[in-house]
Amino acid sequence: MKLPIIAYGDPVLKRKGIEIDKDYPDLQDLIANMYETMYAAHGVGLAAPQIGRSIRLFVIDASPFADDEPSLKDFKRVFINAEMLDESGEKWLFNEGCLSIPEIREDVGRYPDIRIRYVDENWVDHEKTFTGLAARIIQHEYDHIEGKLFTEKLSPLRKAMIKSKLDAISRGQVDVDYKMKFPALKKRR
């Protein structure tokens, strides 16, 4: 089932997600729905806060970047209760977007190497190192479960330059081909 994606400006995107356990209701269905929602919106990652749930869960399928990095050909993962252990290397810029902030793309500096601990959808523990685009996508989604958006990594000048676009998104004044929920429209009801 495709779920509506929460737009910029909703408080759920600023909350730090809480850990979940194996008994979280309908977890496997939620994960399947998150993948379906992500694919329908042409994304490579989706975090639970983006569908209105303040929990520490995100999904990734980096295979669209396999032409740039062949190791990403089958890179599909579920991250539950993730904890970033280390970020290292010299930050590099890459043009990022976000399903919650459609039509805005900006160059964001992120570390090329990370080490992260998480459990997967089968509750198997992992502690792994990721590099390159995989590391970048994971950092972007990890930020979501920490209540952070990529726009917070921009310079004050850049943020000021896109403020009116961000405000328009929160009011639903954006053209997308996937379902969204807009915070400003919710308040008017």
Protein backbone atom coordinates (compact mmCIF):
# COMPACT_ATOMS: atom_id res chain seq x y z
CA MET A 1 0.00 0.00 0.00
CA LYS A 2 1.34 3.41 -0.97
CA LEU A 3 1.45 5.75 2.01
CA PRO A 4 1.32 9.55 1.89
CA ILE A 5 4.70 11.20 2.39
CA ILE A 6 4.84 13.92 5.02
CA ALA A 7 5.88 17.29 3.62
CA TYR A 8 8.42 19.76 4.94
CA GLY A 9 7.15 21.75 7.92
CA ASP A 10 5.41 18.91 9.76
CA PRO A 11 6.71 18.52 13.35
CA VAL A 12 7.07 14.72 12.92
CA LEU A 13 10.09 15.38 10.67
CA LYS A 14 11.85 17.22 13.53
CA ARG A 15 11.32 14.55 16.20
CA LYS A 16 13.96 11.99 17.10
CA GLY A 17 12.59 8.51 16.42
CA ILE A 18 12.15 6.00 19.22
CA GLU A 19 13.52 2.45 19.17
CA ILE A 20 11.16 -0.39 18.40
CA ASP A 21 11.19 -4.09 19.24
CA LYS A 22 10.22 -7.30 17.43
CA ASP A 23 6.62 -6.88 18.57
CA TYR A 24 6.07 -3.58 16.78
CA PRO A 25 2.60 -3.97 15.20
CA ASP A 26 2.57 -5.13 11.57
CA LEU A 27 6.26 -4.36 11.08
CA GLN A 28 6.73 -6.53 7.99
CA ASP A 29 3.70 -4.92 6.33
CA LEU A 30 5.02 -1.48 7.26
CA ILE A 31 8.40 -2.25 5.68
CA ALA A 32 6.72 -3.56 2.50
CA ASN A 33 4.53 -0.45 2.35
CA MET A 34 7.55 1.80 2.84
CA TYR A 35 9.33 0.17 -0.10
CA GLU A 36 6.21 0.46 -2.26
CA THR A 37 5.82 4.13 -1.29
CA MET A 38 9.51 4.84 -1.95
CA TYR A 39 9.45 3.18 -5.38
CA ALA A 40 6.22 4.97 -6.39
CA ALA A 41 7.90 8.30 -5.52
CA HIS A 42 11.13 7.33 -7.37
CA GLY A 43 13.24 7.52 -4.19
CA VAL A 44 16.26 5.55 -3.04
CA GLY A 45 15.49 5.81 0.66
CA LEU A 46 12.55 6.40 2.98
CA ALA A 47 12.50 6.86 6.75
CA ALA A 48 9.53 6.17 9.02
CA PRO A 49 9.17 9.85 10.08
CA GLN A 50 8.49 10.65 6.42
CA ILE A 51 5.30 8.59 6.64
CA GLY A 52 4.33 10.03 10.01
CA ARG A 53 5.91 7.50 12.38
CA SER A 54 8.48 8.67 14.91
CA ILE A 55 10.37 5.38 15.03
CA ARG A 56 13.95 4.39 14.19
CA LEU A 57 13.31 2.62 10.87
CA PHE A 58 14.41 3.36 7.33
CA VAL A 59 14.65 1.47 4.05
CA ILE A 60 17.10 1.91 1.20
CA ASP A 61 17.44 0.63 -2.34
CA ALA A 62 20.52 2.23 -3.91
CA SER A 63 20.42 0.15 -7.11
CA PRO A 64 19.55 3.21 -9.29
CA PHE A 65 23.14 4.35 -8.62
CA ALA A 66 24.66 1.06 -9.85
CA ASP A 67 25.91 2.73 -13.05
CA ASP A 68 28.03 5.07 -10.90
CA GLU A 69 28.99 2.44 -8.31
CA PRO A 70 28.55 -1.18 -9.51
CA SER A 71 28.61 -2.43 -5.89
CA LEU A 72 25.17 -0.86 -5.45
CA LYS A 73 23.52 -3.18 -8.02
CA ASP A 74 21.66 -5.16 -5.34
CA PHE A 75 22.02 -2.75 -2.42
CA LYS A 76 18.65 -3.04 -0.69
CA ARG A 77 18.54 -2.83 3.10
CA VAL A 78 16.27 -2.28 6.10
CA PHE A 79 17.75 -0.41 9.08
CA ILE A 80 16.01 -0.72 12.45
CA ASN A 81 17.23 1.05 15.61
CA ALA A 82 20.32 2.26 13.77
CA GLU A 83 23.14 3.92 15.69
CA MET A 84 25.88 5.81 13.86
CA LEU A 85 29.22 4.74 15.34
CA ASP A 86 31.65 6.69 13.16
CA GLU A 87 31.76 9.06 10.20
CA SER A 88 35.15 9.69 8.66
CA GLY A 89 37.09 11.02 5.69
CA GLU A 90 36.96 14.35 3.95
CA LYS A 91 33.41 15.57 3.37
CA TRP A 92 32.34 15.63 -0.28
CA LEU A 93 29.52 17.47 -1.96
CA PHE A 94 26.72 15.74 -3.81
CA ASN A 95 23.39 17.07 -5.04
CA GLU A 96 20.67 15.67 -2.76
CA GLY A 97 16.92 15.77 -2.76
CA CYS A 98 14.28 14.46 -0.39
CA LEU A 99 10.81 13.02 -0.92
CA SER A 100 9.51 15.27 1.89
CA ILE A 101 11.01 18.33 0.18
CA PRO A 102 10.12 17.88 -3.49
CA GLU A 103 11.52 20.10 -6.23
CA ILE A 104 14.45 21.25 -4.08
CA ARG A 105 17.90 19.81 -4.66
CA GLU A 106 21.05 21.15 -3.04
CA ASP A 107 24.73 20.24 -2.73
CA VAL A 108 25.28 18.69 0.69
CA GLY A 109 28.60 17.79 2.28
CA ARG A 110 28.76 14.33 3.86
CA TYR A 111 31.46 11.95 5.01
CA PRO A 112 32.54 9.25 2.53
CA ASP A 113 32.91 6.51 5.16
CA ILE A 114 30.60 5.46 7.99
CA ARG A 115 30.32 2.67 10.52
CA ILE A 116 26.79 1.90 11.74
CA ARG A 117 25.08 -0.61 14.02
CA TYR A 118 21.52 -1.74 13.25
CA VAL A 119 19.18 -4.70 13.10
CA ASP A 120 17.56 -5.83 9.87
CA GLU A 121 13.97 -6.92 9.20
CA ASN A 122 14.78 -10.41 10.54
CA TRP A 123 16.20 -8.93 13.78
CA VAL A 124 19.75 -9.91 12.89
CA ASP A 125 22.32 -7.54 14.43
CA HIS A 126 24.80 -5.84 12.10
CA GLU A 127 27.78 -3.57 12.59
CA LYS A 128 29.04 -2.54 9.16
CA THR A 129 31.15 -0.03 7.32
CA PHE A 130 29.76 1.63 4.20
CA THR A 131 31.45 3.98 1.73
CA GLY A 132 30.58 6.31 -1.14
CA LEU A 133 26.99 6.71 -2.26
CA ALA A 134 25.76 3.95 0.06
CA ALA A 135 27.22 5.85 3.02
CA ARG A 136 25.65 9.09 1.78
CA ILE A 137 22.16 7.59 1.39
CA ILE A 138 22.40 5.96 4.83
CA GLN A 139 23.50 9.27 6.40
CA HIS A 140 20.57 11.09 4.76
CA GLU A 141 18.02 8.55 6.04
CA TYR A 142 19.73 8.32 9.44
CA ASP A 143 19.34 12.08 9.78
CA HIS A 144 15.57 11.60 9.38
CA ILE A 145 15.37 9.26 12.40
CA GLU A 146 17.41 11.85 14.32
CA GLY A 147 14.86 14.57 13.42
CA LYS A 148 17.12 16.34 10.92
CA LEU A 149 16.64 17.34 7.29
CA PHE A 150 19.29 17.90 4.62
CA THR A 151 18.30 21.58 4.46
CA GLU A 152 19.82 22.01 7.94
CA LYS A 153 23.24 21.27 6.46
CA LEU A 154 23.02 24.25 4.10
CA SER A 155 24.64 27.61 4.73
CA PRO A 156 22.45 30.34 6.27
CA LEU A 157 22.52 32.20 2.94
CA ARG A 158 21.40 29.12 0.98
CA LYS A 159 18.62 28.44 3.52
CA ALA A 160 17.41 32.03 3.18
CA MET A 161 17.39 31.70 -0.61
CA ILE A 162 15.11 28.64 -0.56
CA LYS A 163 12.87 29.68 2.36
CA SER A 164 9.95 30.75 0.16
CA LYS A 165 10.10 27.42 -1.73
CA LEU A 166 10.11 25.50 1.58
CA ASP A 167 7.12 27.52 2.82
CA ALA A 168 5.28 26.78 -0.43
CA ILE A 169 5.91 23.04 0.03
CA SER A 170 4.45 23.10 3.55
CA ARG A 171 1.34 24.82 2.11
CA GLY A 172 0.96 22.14 -0.58
CA GLN A 173 2.00 24.44 -3.42
CA VAL A 174 4.14 21.85 -5.15
CA ASP A 175 3.55 19.53 -8.07
CA VAL A 176 4.32 15.88 -7.26
CA ASP A 177 3.17 12.59 -8.72
CA TYR A 178 2.88 10.85 -5.34
CA LYS A 179 0.59 11.24 -2.32
CA MET A 180 1.69 13.80 0.27
CA LYS A 181 0.36 15.31 3.50
CA PHE A 182 1.00 19.01 3.97
CA PRO A 183 1.23 20.55 7.47
CA ALA A 184 -0.28 23.93 6.59
CA LEU A 185 -3.34 22.27 5.02
CA LYS A 186 -3.81 20.13 8.13
CA LYS A 187 -3.96 23.23 10.37
CA ARG A 188 -6.76 24.85 8.36
CA ARG A 189 -9.24 22.01 8.88
